[in-house]
Amino acid sequence: MPLRFLYKVKELMAQDIKLLVVDIDGTISGDANQVNDAVKQAIKAAQAKGVKVAIATGRMYRSAVRFHELIGSDLPLISYQGAFIKDPKTNELVGHWPVDIEQALSLLDDLGEYATHDQLSIHIYVNDELYVRKMTPQTEAYAERSQVRVNVVGDLREFLTGKSTEHPPTKILALSDTAELVTEMLRVLKGRYTPQELYLTKSVATFFEATNPIANKGTAVKHLAENILGFERSQVLAIGDNFNDLEMIEYAGIGVVMGNAPEGLKPFANWVAPTVENNGAAAAIAKFVLQDS
């Protein structure tokens, strides 16, 4: 490890962290879809020191609320990769940046090229509701883990342009059992859409995600930290595990990546924590907030 990197970590450890932002899946929640006691206790200890704690997730808002409650957060909840920010205490929608309807329709056409032989399931999200063309095994597994209802509406293009909805989607998600298909799809579609048209990312190896170009976890965490709380970026610790966490890891004064993260993400972190199953988030909190040796 370069000496300058060691120096940076040492310097960061001395900072006064005022805001801790955590992802859910792969970060504070593992295979059991729960938060381990060690992680909850570490978060509680951070809060006892006066540190504010927030969630930034790609999940639907309604799917993330129980985690918000589990960790005792009193801040607005950042969901849909930062496209939908809502305060569970007041039910106030703090910010919402949906996908432009024409971009959404264009992307649906492009995704249709890959949706042959049921290799790809396409989800669209409107008003924190999930809509699909039909139920698939991928959608059933997603709904079970997320604990959300699925609305089957047939043709998604007709749904978005019909009288049944007058609202553009918050996010478009495409799921496949084949990680290689999602990787190839992301590569091709990033060549078709500029960053000013759509924000495209992967949240796990088999999830392709699309949101408004200004909606990512980095801009959402910046808005929460600076505009709502009045903190500086140097006072933010962000912990994540996949490429949809990249922007908030780069923004934060201290960016931590989980040990179970893709290798390509780890060079962007100030520190690589143990895996989610080994309570890596708790280790990061102990190191950078609680100042444990």
C-alpha atoms as a PDB file:
ATOM      1  CA  MET A   1       0.000   0.000   0.000  1.00  0.00           C
ATOM      2  CA  PRO A   2       1.463   3.441  -0.936  1.00  0.00           C
ATOM      3  CA  LEU A   3       2.670   5.590   1.986  1.00  0.00           C
ATOM      4  CA  ARG A   4       0.459   8.467   0.848  1.00  0.00           C
ATOM      5  CA  PHE A   5      -2.578   6.183   1.187  1.00  0.00           C
ATOM      6  CA  LEU A   6      -1.558   5.206   4.730  1.00  0.00           C
ATOM      7  CA  TYR A   7      -1.074   8.854   5.604  1.00  0.00           C
ATOM      8  CA  LYS A   8      -4.488   9.743   4.223  1.00  0.00           C
ATOM      9  CA  VAL A   9      -6.211   7.100   6.342  1.00  0.00           C
ATOM     10  CA  LYS A  10      -4.298   8.209   9.450  1.00  0.00           C
ATOM     11  CA  GLU A  11      -5.282  11.821   8.811  1.00  0.00           C
ATOM     12  CA  LEU A  12      -8.922  10.896   8.189  1.00  0.00           C
ATOM     13  CA  MET A  13      -9.145   8.957  11.426  1.00  0.00           C
ATOM     14  CA  ALA A  14      -8.550  12.189  13.330  1.00  0.00           C
ATOM     15  CA  GLN A  15     -11.522  13.909  11.721  1.00  0.00           C
ATOM     16  CA  ASP A  16     -14.752  14.670  13.493  1.00  0.00           C
ATOM     17  CA  ILE A  17     -17.383  12.519  11.780  1.00  0.00           C
ATOM     18  CA  LYS A  18     -20.866  13.967  12.149  1.00  0.00           C
ATOM     19  CA  LEU A  19     -22.792  11.977   9.533  1.00  0.00           C
ATOM     20  CA  LEU A  20     -22.650   8.236   8.869  1.00  0.00           C
ATOM     21  CA  VAL A  21     -24.358   7.012   5.685  1.00  0.00           C
ATOM     22  CA  VAL A  22     -24.814   3.301   5.062  1.00  0.00           C
ATOM     23  CA  ASP A  23     -26.092   1.223   2.185  1.00  0.00           C
ATOM     24  CA  ILE A  24     -28.395  -1.716   3.003  1.00  0.00           C
ATOM     25  CA  ASP A  25     -27.821  -4.831   0.896  1.00  0.00           C
ATOM     26  CA  GLY A  26     -24.306  -6.152   1.145  1.00  0.00           C
ATOM     27  CA  THR A  27     -23.384  -3.469   3.685  1.00  0.00           C
ATOM     28  CA  ILE A  28     -25.534  -3.632   6.813  1.00  0.00           C
ATOM     29  CA  SER A  29     -27.729  -6.517   5.599  1.00  0.00           C
ATOM     30  CA  GLY A  30     -26.416  -9.826   4.323  1.00  0.00           C
ATOM     31  CA  ASP A  31     -27.919 -13.089   3.167  1.00  0.00           C
ATOM     32  CA  ALA A  32     -30.413 -13.191   6.059  1.00  0.00           C
ATOM     33  CA  ASN A  33     -31.933  -9.847   4.984  1.00  0.00           C
ATOM     34  CA  GLN A  34     -31.511  -8.546   8.530  1.00  0.00           C
ATOM     35  CA  VAL A  35     -29.119  -6.287  10.428  1.00  0.00           C
ATOM     36  CA  ASN A  36     -26.815  -8.168  12.776  1.00  0.00           C
ATOM     37  CA  ASP A  37     -26.713  -7.146  16.437  1.00  0.00           C
ATOM     38  CA  ALA A  38     -23.047  -6.123  16.160  1.00  0.00           C
ATOM     39  CA  VAL A  39     -23.893  -3.610  13.436  1.00  0.00           C
ATOM     40  CA  LYS A  40     -26.919  -2.266  15.309  1.00  0.00           C
ATOM     41  CA  GLN A  41     -24.838  -1.843  18.460  1.00  0.00           C
ATOM     42  CA  ALA A  42     -22.080  -0.014  16.575  1.00  0.00           C
ATOM     43  CA  ILE A  43     -24.608   2.342  15.001  1.00  0.00           C
ATOM     44  CA  LYS A  44     -26.217   2.940  18.391  1.00  0.00           C
ATOM     45  CA  ALA A  45     -22.805   3.751  19.872  1.00  0.00           C
ATOM     46  CA  ALA A  46     -22.141   6.230  17.064  1.00  0.00           C
ATOM     47  CA  GLN A  47     -25.502   7.885  17.670  1.00  0.00           C
ATOM     48  CA  ALA A  48     -24.683   8.114  21.391  1.00  0.00           C
ATOM     49  CA  LYS A  49     -21.638  10.180  20.384  1.00  0.00           C
ATOM     50  CA  GLY A  50     -23.947  12.575  18.524  1.00  0.00           C
ATOM     51  CA  VAL A  51     -23.323  11.194  15.029  1.00  0.00           C
ATOM     52  CA  LYS A  52     -26.303  11.361  12.679  1.00  0.00           C
ATOM     53  CA  VAL A  53     -27.011   8.157  10.764  1.00  0.00           C
ATOM     54  CA  ALA A  54     -28.761   7.835   7.404  1.00  0.00           C
ATOM     55  CA  ILE A  55     -29.499   5.130   4.838  1.00  0.00           C
ATOM     56  CA  ALA A  56     -28.747   5.488   1.124  1.00  0.00           C
ATOM     57  CA  THR A  57     -30.065   2.542  -0.858  1.00  0.00           C
ATOM     58  CA  GLY A  58     -31.141   1.478  -4.305  1.00  0.00           C
ATOM     59  CA  ARG A  59     -34.205  -0.168  -2.762  1.00  0.00           C
ATOM     60  CA  MET A  60     -37.721   1.164  -2.976  1.00  0.00           C
ATOM     61  CA  TYR A  61     -38.581   3.532  -0.143  1.00  0.00           C
ATOM     62  CA  ARG A  62     -41.268   1.193   1.208  1.00  0.00           C
ATOM     63  CA  SER A  63     -38.784  -1.684   1.211  1.00  0.00           C
ATOM     64  CA  ALA A  64     -36.116   0.317   3.040  1.00  0.00           C
ATOM     65  CA  VAL A  65     -38.246   1.803   5.836  1.00  0.00           C
ATOM     66  CA  ARG A  66     -37.901  -1.215   8.127  1.00  0.00           C
ATOM     67  CA  PHE A  67     -34.102  -0.897   8.008  1.00  0.00           C
ATOM     68  CA  HIS A  68     -34.411   2.815   8.742  1.00  0.00           C
ATOM     69  CA  GLU A  69     -36.391   1.865  11.846  1.00  0.00           C
ATOM     70  CA  LEU A  70     -34.020  -0.978  12.792  1.00  0.00           C
ATOM     71  CA  ILE A  71     -31.048   1.379  13.030  1.00  0.00           C
ATOM     72  CA  GLY A  72     -33.025   4.165  14.682  1.00  0.00           C
ATOM     73  CA  SER A  73     -32.335   6.818  12.057  1.00  0.00           C
ATOM     74  CA  ASP A  74     -34.050  10.179  12.493  1.00  0.00           C
ATOM     75  CA  LEU A  75     -33.017  11.541   9.090  1.00  0.00           C
ATOM     76  CA  PRO A  76     -34.702  11.488   5.676  1.00  0.00           C
ATOM     77  CA  LEU A  77     -34.324   8.127   3.912  1.00  0.00           C
ATOM     78  CA  ILE A  78     -32.421   8.124   0.606  1.00  0.00           C
ATOM     79  CA  SER A  79     -33.882   5.461  -1.700  1.00  0.00           C
ATOM     80  CA  TYR A  80     -33.911   4.561  -5.414  1.00  0.00           C
ATOM     81  CA  GLN A  81     -30.186   5.414  -5.735  1.00  0.00           C
ATOM     82  CA  GLY A  82     -30.905   8.932  -4.474  1.00  0.00           C
ATOM     83  CA  ALA A  83     -33.847   9.647  -6.766  1.00  0.00           C
ATOM     84  CA  PHE A  84     -36.447   9.531  -3.959  1.00  0.00           C
ATOM     85  CA  ILE A  85     -35.742  11.101  -0.550  1.00  0.00           C
ATOM     86  CA  LYS A  86     -38.492  10.997   2.033  1.00  0.00           C
ATOM     87  CA  ASP A  87     -38.679  11.664   5.767  1.00  0.00           C
ATOM     88  CA  PRO A  88     -40.438   8.750   7.530  1.00  0.00           C
ATOM     89  CA  LYS A  89     -41.112  10.921  10.594  1.00  0.00           C
ATOM     90  CA  THR A  90     -43.131  13.552   8.750  1.00  0.00           C
ATOM     91  CA  ASN A  91     -43.964  11.634   5.553  1.00  0.00           C
ATOM     92  CA  GLU A  92     -42.557  14.638   3.681  1.00  0.00           C
ATOM     93  CA  LEU A  93     -41.059  14.012   0.252  1.00  0.00           C
ATOM     94  CA  VAL A  94     -37.770  15.885   0.529  1.00  0.00           C
ATOM     95  CA  GLY A  95     -36.673  15.325  -3.060  1.00  0.00           C
ATOM     96  CA  HIS A  96     -37.750  13.374  -6.144  1.00  0.00           C
ATOM     97  CA  TRP A  97     -35.955  13.238  -9.482  1.00  0.00           C
ATOM     98  CA  PRO A  98     -37.748  10.789 -11.828  1.00  0.00           C
ATOM     99  CA  VAL A  99     -36.636   9.552 -15.233  1.00  0.00           C
ATOM    100  CA  ASP A 100     -37.800  11.674 -18.145  1.00  0.00           C
ATOM    101  CA  ILE A 101     -40.714   9.821 -19.764  1.00  0.00           C
ATOM    102  CA  GLU A 102     -39.186   9.894 -23.255  1.00  0.00           C
ATOM    103  CA  GLN A 103     -35.901   8.530 -21.939  1.00  0.00           C
ATOM    104  CA  ALA A 104     -37.807   5.845 -20.044  1.00  0.00           C
ATOM    105  CA  LEU A 105     -39.679   4.752 -23.156  1.00  0.00           C
ATOM    106  CA  SER A 106     -36.482   4.687 -25.194  1.00  0.00           C
ATOM    107  CA  LEU A 107     -34.749   2.583 -22.536  1.00  0.00           C
ATOM    108  CA  LEU A 108     -37.674   0.146 -22.419  1.00  0.00           C
ATOM    109  CA  ASP A 109     -37.264  -0.369 -26.155  1.00  0.00           C
ATOM    110  CA  ASP A 110     -33.549  -1.011 -25.734  1.00  0.00           C
ATOM    111  CA  LEU A 111     -34.063  -3.407 -22.839  1.00  0.00           C
ATOM    112  CA  GLY A 112     -36.613  -5.265 -24.928  1.00  0.00           C
ATOM    113  CA  GLU A 113     -33.745  -6.367 -27.161  1.00  0.00           C
ATOM    114  CA  TYR A 114     -32.388  -8.385 -24.240  1.00  0.00           C
ATOM    115  CA  ALA A 115     -35.686  -9.582 -22.794  1.00  0.00           C
ATOM    116  CA  THR A 116     -36.006 -12.654 -24.996  1.00  0.00           C
ATOM    117  CA  HIS A 117     -36.595 -16.137 -23.654  1.00  0.00           C
ATOM    118  CA  ASP A 118     -37.318 -14.704 -20.187  1.00  0.00           C
ATOM    119  CA  GLN A 119     -33.646 -13.964 -19.560  1.00  0.00           C
ATOM    120  CA  LEU A 120     -34.477 -10.462 -18.342  1.00  0.00           C
ATOM    121  CA  SER A 121     -37.198  -9.130 -16.036  1.00  0.00           C
ATOM    122  CA  ILE A 122     -37.957  -5.414 -16.278  1.00  0.00           C
ATOM    123  CA  HIS A 123     -39.296  -3.434 -13.309  1.00  0.00           C
ATOM    124  CA  ILE A 124     -40.529   0.143 -13.335  1.00  0.00           C
ATOM    125  CA  TYR A 125     -41.315   2.157 -10.229  1.00  0.00           C
ATOM    126  CA  VAL A 126     -43.996   4.842 -10.082  1.00  0.00           C
ATOM    127  CA  ASN A 127     -45.077   6.550  -6.844  1.00  0.00           C
ATOM    128  CA  ASP A 128     -43.145   3.940  -4.825  1.00  0.00           C
ATOM    129  CA  GLU A 129     -45.075   1.089  -6.468  1.00  0.00           C
ATOM    130  CA  LEU A 130     -43.539  -1.718  -8.526  1.00  0.00           C
ATOM    131  CA  TYR A 131     -44.971  -2.486 -11.980  1.00  0.00           C
ATOM    132  CA  VAL A 132     -44.023  -5.374 -14.276  1.00  0.00           C
ATOM    133  CA  ARG A 133     -45.207  -6.885 -17.551  1.00  0.00           C
ATOM    134  CA  LYS A 134     -45.591 -10.321 -15.974  1.00  0.00           C
ATOM    135  CA  MET A 135     -44.418 -12.302 -12.999  1.00  0.00           C
ATOM    136  CA  THR A 136     -41.115 -14.099 -13.450  1.00  0.00           C
ATOM    137  CA  PRO A 137     -38.983 -16.151 -11.056  1.00  0.00           C
ATOM    138  CA  GLN A 138     -36.600 -13.187 -10.746  1.00  0.00           C
ATOM    139  CA  THR A 139     -39.451 -10.846  -9.827  1.00  0.00           C
ATOM    140  CA  GLU A 140     -40.867 -13.310  -7.317  1.00  0.00           C
ATOM    141  CA  ALA A 141     -37.490 -13.600  -5.578  1.00  0.00           C
ATOM    142  CA  TYR A 142     -37.070  -9.820  -5.619  1.00  0.00           C
ATOM    143  CA  ALA A 143     -40.526  -9.233  -4.143  1.00  0.00           C
ATOM    144  CA  GLU A 144     -39.959 -11.787  -1.407  1.00  0.00           C
ATOM    145  CA  ARG A 145     -36.658 -10.233  -0.321  1.00  0.00           C
ATOM    146  CA  SER A 146     -37.954  -6.676  -0.628  1.00  0.00           C
ATOM    147  CA  GLN A 147     -41.310  -7.526   0.963  1.00  0.00           C
ATOM    148  CA  VAL A 148     -43.258  -5.464  -1.570  1.00  0.00           C
ATOM    149  CA  ARG A 149     -46.337  -5.954  -3.703  1.00  0.00           C
ATOM    150  CA  VAL A 150     -45.981  -6.472  -7.459  1.00  0.00           C
ATOM    151  CA  ASN A 151     -48.447  -4.870  -9.892  1.00  0.00           C
ATOM    152  CA  VAL A 152     -48.734  -6.839 -13.158  1.00  0.00           C
ATOM    153  CA  VAL A 153     -49.852  -4.455 -15.915  1.00  0.00           C
ATOM    154  CA  GLY A 154     -48.858  -6.097 -19.203  1.00  0.00           C
ATOM    155  CA  ASP A 155     -47.072  -3.919 -21.721  1.00  0.00           C
ATOM    156  CA  LEU A 156     -44.966  -1.413 -19.773  1.00  0.00           C
ATOM    157  CA  ARG A 157     -44.772   1.056 -22.624  1.00  0.00           C
ATOM    158  CA  GLU A 158     -48.550   1.214 -22.832  1.00  0.00           C
ATOM    159  CA  PHE A 159     -48.732   1.543 -19.050  1.00  0.00           C
ATOM    160  CA  LEU A 160     -46.406   4.552 -18.991  1.00  0.00           C
ATOM    161  CA  THR A 161     -48.168   6.297 -21.848  1.00  0.00           C
ATOM    162  CA  GLY A 162     -51.720   5.336 -20.915  1.00  0.00           C
ATOM    163  CA  LYS A 163     -54.295   6.955 -18.680  1.00  0.00           C
ATOM    164  CA  SER A 164     -53.422   4.615 -15.822  1.00  0.00           C
ATOM    165  CA  THR A 165     -50.473   6.801 -14.872  1.00  0.00           C
ATOM    166  CA  GLU A 166     -49.566  10.434 -15.378  1.00  0.00           C
ATOM    167  CA  HIS A 167     -46.265  10.129 -13.565  1.00  0.00           C
ATOM    168  CA  PRO A 168     -42.805   9.287 -14.925  1.00  0.00           C
ATOM    169  CA  PRO A 169     -40.952   6.389 -13.284  1.00  0.00           C
ATOM    170  CA  THR A 170     -38.551   6.969 -10.417  1.00  0.00           C
ATOM    171  CA  LYS A 171     -36.336   4.102 -11.551  1.00  0.00           C
ATOM    172  CA  ILE A 172     -36.090   1.309 -14.108  1.00  0.00           C
ATOM    173  CA  LEU A 173     -34.525  -1.977 -13.041  1.00  0.00           C
ATOM    174  CA  ALA A 174     -33.643  -4.971 -15.208  1.00  0.00           C
ATOM    175  CA  LEU A 175     -32.870  -8.284 -13.499  1.00  0.00           C
ATOM    176  CA  SER A 176     -31.244 -11.387 -14.905  1.00  0.00           C
ATOM    177  CA  ASP A 177     -29.920 -14.622 -13.486  1.00  0.00           C
ATOM    178  CA  THR A 178     -26.919 -14.153 -15.775  1.00  0.00           C
ATOM    179  CA  ALA A 179     -24.427 -11.587 -14.488  1.00  0.00           C
ATOM    180  CA  GLU A 180     -22.580 -11.566 -17.824  1.00  0.00           C
ATOM    181  CA  LEU A 181     -25.753 -10.425 -19.599  1.00  0.00           C
ATOM    182  CA  VAL A 182     -26.174  -7.499 -17.205  1.00  0.00           C
ATOM    183  CA  THR A 183     -22.513  -6.502 -17.588  1.00  0.00           C
ATOM    184  CA  GLU A 184     -22.774  -6.558 -21.377  1.00  0.00           C
ATOM    185  CA  MET A 185     -26.077  -4.676 -21.300  1.00  0.00           C
ATOM    186  CA  LEU A 186     -24.578  -1.973 -19.087  1.00  0.00           C
ATOM    187  CA  ARG A 187     -21.586  -1.620 -21.398  1.00  0.00           C
ATOM    188  CA  VAL A 188     -23.721  -1.308 -24.529  1.00  0.00           C
ATOM    189  CA  LEU A 189     -26.304   1.051 -23.063  1.00  0.00           C
ATOM    190  CA  LYS A 190     -23.683   3.327 -21.552  1.00  0.00           C
ATOM    191  CA  GLY A 191     -22.575   3.790 -25.134  1.00  0.00           C
ATOM    192  CA  ARG A 192     -26.089   4.764 -26.217  1.00  0.00           C
ATOM    193  CA  TYR A 193     -26.921   7.183 -23.402  1.00  0.00           C
ATOM    194  CA  THR A 194     -24.770  10.020 -22.149  1.00  0.00           C
ATOM    195  CA  PRO A 195     -24.413  10.735 -18.404  1.00  0.00           C
ATOM    196  CA  GLN A 196     -26.588  13.796 -19.036  1.00  0.00           C
ATOM    197  CA  GLU A 197     -29.441  11.555 -20.252  1.00  0.00           C
ATOM    198  CA  LEU A 198     -29.463   8.661 -17.782  1.00  0.00           C
ATOM    199  CA  TYR A 199     -27.537   7.458 -14.760  1.00  0.00           C
ATOM    200  CA  LEU A 200     -26.804   3.768 -15.379  1.00  0.00           C
ATOM    201  CA  THR A 201     -25.244   1.444 -12.825  1.00  0.00           C
ATOM    202  CA  LYS A 202     -25.228  -2.001 -11.208  1.00  0.00           C
ATOM    203  CA  SER A 203     -26.307  -2.433  -7.586  1.00  0.00           C
ATOM    204  CA  VAL A 204     -25.503  -6.146  -7.592  1.00  0.00           C
ATOM    205  CA  ALA A 205     -24.011  -8.261 -10.357  1.00  0.00           C
ATOM    206  CA  THR A 206     -27.453  -9.171 -11.742  1.00  0.00           C
ATOM    207  CA  PHE A 207     -29.219  -5.785 -11.335  1.00  0.00           C
ATOM    208  CA  PHE A 208     -29.067  -3.125 -14.062  1.00  0.00           C
ATOM    209  CA  GLU A 209     -30.439   0.194 -12.778  1.00  0.00           C
ATOM    210  CA  ALA A 210     -31.392   3.457 -14.471  1.00  0.00           C
ATOM    211  CA  THR A 211     -32.352   6.766 -12.871  1.00  0.00           C
ATOM    212  CA  ASN A 212     -32.452  10.466 -13.625  1.00  0.00           C
ATOM    213  CA  PRO A 213     -28.909  11.666 -14.484  1.00  0.00           C
ATOM    214  CA  ILE A 214     -28.689  13.860 -11.372  1.00  0.00           C
ATOM    215  CA  ALA A 215     -29.956  11.070  -9.098  1.00  0.00           C
ATOM    216  CA  ASN A 216     -27.185   9.063  -7.498  1.00  0.00           C
ATOM    217  CA  LYS A 217     -26.170   8.425  -3.930  1.00  0.00           C
ATOM    218  CA  GLY A 218     -23.365  10.979  -4.101  1.00  0.00           C
ATOM    219  CA  THR A 219     -25.597  13.935  -4.964  1.00  0.00           C
ATOM    220  CA  ALA A 220     -28.207  12.752  -2.464  1.00  0.00           C
ATOM    221  CA  VAL A 221     -25.706  12.441   0.393  1.00  0.00           C
ATOM    222  CA  LYS A 222     -24.236  15.843  -0.500  1.00  0.00           C
ATOM    223  CA  HIS A 223     -27.743  17.371  -0.373  1.00  0.00           C
ATOM    224  CA  LEU A 224     -28.443  15.738   2.989  1.00  0.00           C
ATOM    225  CA  ALA A 225     -25.079  16.657   4.505  1.00  0.00           C
ATOM    226  CA  GLU A 226     -24.624  20.191   3.236  1.00  0.00           C
ATOM    227  CA  ASN A 227     -28.087  21.573   2.488  1.00  0.00           C
ATOM    228  CA  ILE A 228     -30.163  19.878   5.191  1.00  0.00           C
ATOM    229  CA  LEU A 229     -27.675  19.331   8.029  1.00  0.00           C
ATOM    230  CA  GLY A 230     -25.100  22.020   7.317  1.00  0.00           C
ATOM    231  CA  PHE A 231     -22.117  19.637   7.516  1.00  0.00           C
ATOM    232  CA  GLU A 232     -18.954  19.568   5.440  1.00  0.00           C
ATOM    233  CA  ARG A 233     -18.046  16.586   3.280  1.00  0.00           C
ATOM    234  CA  SER A 234     -15.011  15.960   5.500  1.00  0.00           C
ATOM    235  CA  GLN A 235     -17.465  15.168   8.316  1.00  0.00           C
ATOM    236  CA  VAL A 236     -19.167  12.376   6.351  1.00  0.00           C
ATOM    237  CA  LEU A 237     -18.419   8.651   6.552  1.00  0.00           C
ATOM    238  CA  ALA A 238     -20.070   6.571   3.815  1.00  0.00           C
ATOM    239  CA  ILE A 239     -20.068   2.766   3.651  1.00  0.00           C
ATOM    240  CA  GLY A 240     -21.141   0.770   0.593  1.00  0.00           C
ATOM    241  CA  ASP A 241     -20.506  -2.426  -1.321  1.00  0.00           C
ATOM    242  CA  ASN A 242     -21.183  -1.949  -5.038  1.00  0.00           C
ATOM    243  CA  PHE A 243     -20.829   0.392  -7.986  1.00  0.00           C
ATOM    244  CA  ASN A 244     -24.042   2.258  -7.199  1.00  0.00           C
ATOM    245  CA  ASP A 245     -22.232   3.400  -4.025  1.00  0.00           C
ATOM    246  CA  LEU A 246     -19.269   4.818  -5.939  1.00  0.00           C
ATOM    247  CA  GLU A 247     -20.415   8.450  -6.015  1.00  0.00           C
ATOM    248  CA  MET A 248     -21.134   8.648  -2.281  1.00  0.00           C
ATOM    249  CA  ILE A 249     -17.851   6.880  -1.457  1.00  0.00           C
ATOM    250  CA  GLU A 250     -15.997   9.446  -3.583  1.00  0.00           C
ATOM    251  CA  TYR A 251     -17.953  12.337  -2.047  1.00  0.00           C
ATOM    252  CA  ALA A 252     -17.509  11.400   1.614  1.00  0.00           C
ATOM    253  CA  GLY A 253     -14.558  12.539   3.678  1.00  0.00           C
ATOM    254  CA  ILE A 254     -14.085   8.870   4.474  1.00  0.00           C
ATOM    255  CA  GLY A 255     -15.333   6.329   1.948  1.00  0.00           C
ATOM    256  CA  VAL A 256     -15.394   2.705   3.068  1.00  0.00           C
ATOM    257  CA  VAL A 257     -15.982  -0.284   0.805  1.00  0.00           C
ATOM    258  CA  MET A 258     -17.041  -3.675   2.128  1.00  0.00           C
ATOM    259  CA  GLY A 259     -14.798  -6.702   1.730  1.00  0.00           C
ATOM    260  CA  ASN A 260     -17.496  -8.412  -0.355  1.00  0.00           C
ATOM    261  CA  ALA A 261     -17.490  -5.564  -2.895  1.00  0.00           C
ATOM    262  CA  PRO A 262     -16.353  -6.076  -6.501  1.00  0.00           C
ATOM    263  CA  GLU A 263     -12.589  -5.720  -6.830  1.00  0.00           C
ATOM    264  CA  GLY A 264     -13.038  -2.818  -9.253  1.00  0.00           C
ATOM    265  CA  LEU A 265     -14.678  -0.694  -6.552  1.00  0.00           C
ATOM    266  CA  LYS A 266     -12.101  -1.182  -3.800  1.00  0.00           C
ATOM    267  CA  PRO A 267      -9.420   1.204  -5.181  1.00  0.00           C
ATOM    268  CA  PHE A 268     -11.849   4.110  -4.688  1.00  0.00           C
ATOM    269  CA  ALA A 269     -12.104   3.542  -0.943  1.00  0.00           C
ATOM    270  CA  ASN A 270     -10.073   5.000   1.908  1.00  0.00           C
ATOM    271  CA  TRP A 271     -10.437   1.671   3.676  1.00  0.00           C
ATOM    272  CA  VAL A 272     -11.723  -1.805   2.833  1.00  0.00           C
ATOM    273  CA  ALA A 273     -13.799  -3.289   5.676  1.00  0.00           C
ATOM    274  CA  PRO A 274     -14.426  -6.949   6.427  1.00  0.00           C
ATOM    275  CA  THR A 275     -17.356  -8.558   4.602  1.00  0.00           C
ATOM    276  CA  VAL A 276     -21.000  -7.996   5.483  1.00  0.00           C
ATOM    277  CA  GLU A 277     -21.240 -11.467   7.014  1.00  0.00           C
ATOM    278  CA  ASN A 278     -18.278 -10.534   9.222  1.00  0.00           C
ATOM    279  CA  ASN A 279     -19.922  -7.269  10.342  1.00  0.00           C
ATOM    280  CA  GLY A 280     -17.667  -5.039   8.258  1.00  0.00           C
ATOM    281  CA  ALA A 281     -19.869  -1.988   8.792  1.00  0.00           C
ATOM    282  CA  ALA A 282     -19.419  -2.348  12.553  1.00  0.00           C
ATOM    283  CA  ALA A 283     -15.645  -2.553  12.073  1.00  0.00           C
ATOM    284  CA  ALA A 284     -15.656   0.640   9.994  1.00  0.00           C
ATOM    285  CA  ILE A 285     -17.723   2.482  12.586  1.00  0.00           C
ATOM    286  CA  ALA A 286     -15.397   1.315  15.354  1.00  0.00           C
ATOM    287  CA  LYS A 287     -12.328   2.459  13.406  1.00  0.00           C
ATOM    288  CA  PHE A 288     -13.482   5.842  12.138  1.00  0.00           C
ATOM    289  CA  VAL A 289     -16.230   6.940  14.557  1.00  0.00           C
ATOM    290  CA  LEU A 290     -15.639   5.210  17.860  1.00  0.00           C
ATOM    291  CA  GLN A 291     -11.847   5.461  17.366  1.00  0.00           C
ATOM    292  CA  ASP A 292     -11.222   1.918  18.625  1.00  0.00           C
ATOM    293  CA  SER A 293      -7.655   0.725  18.250  1.00  0.00           C
END
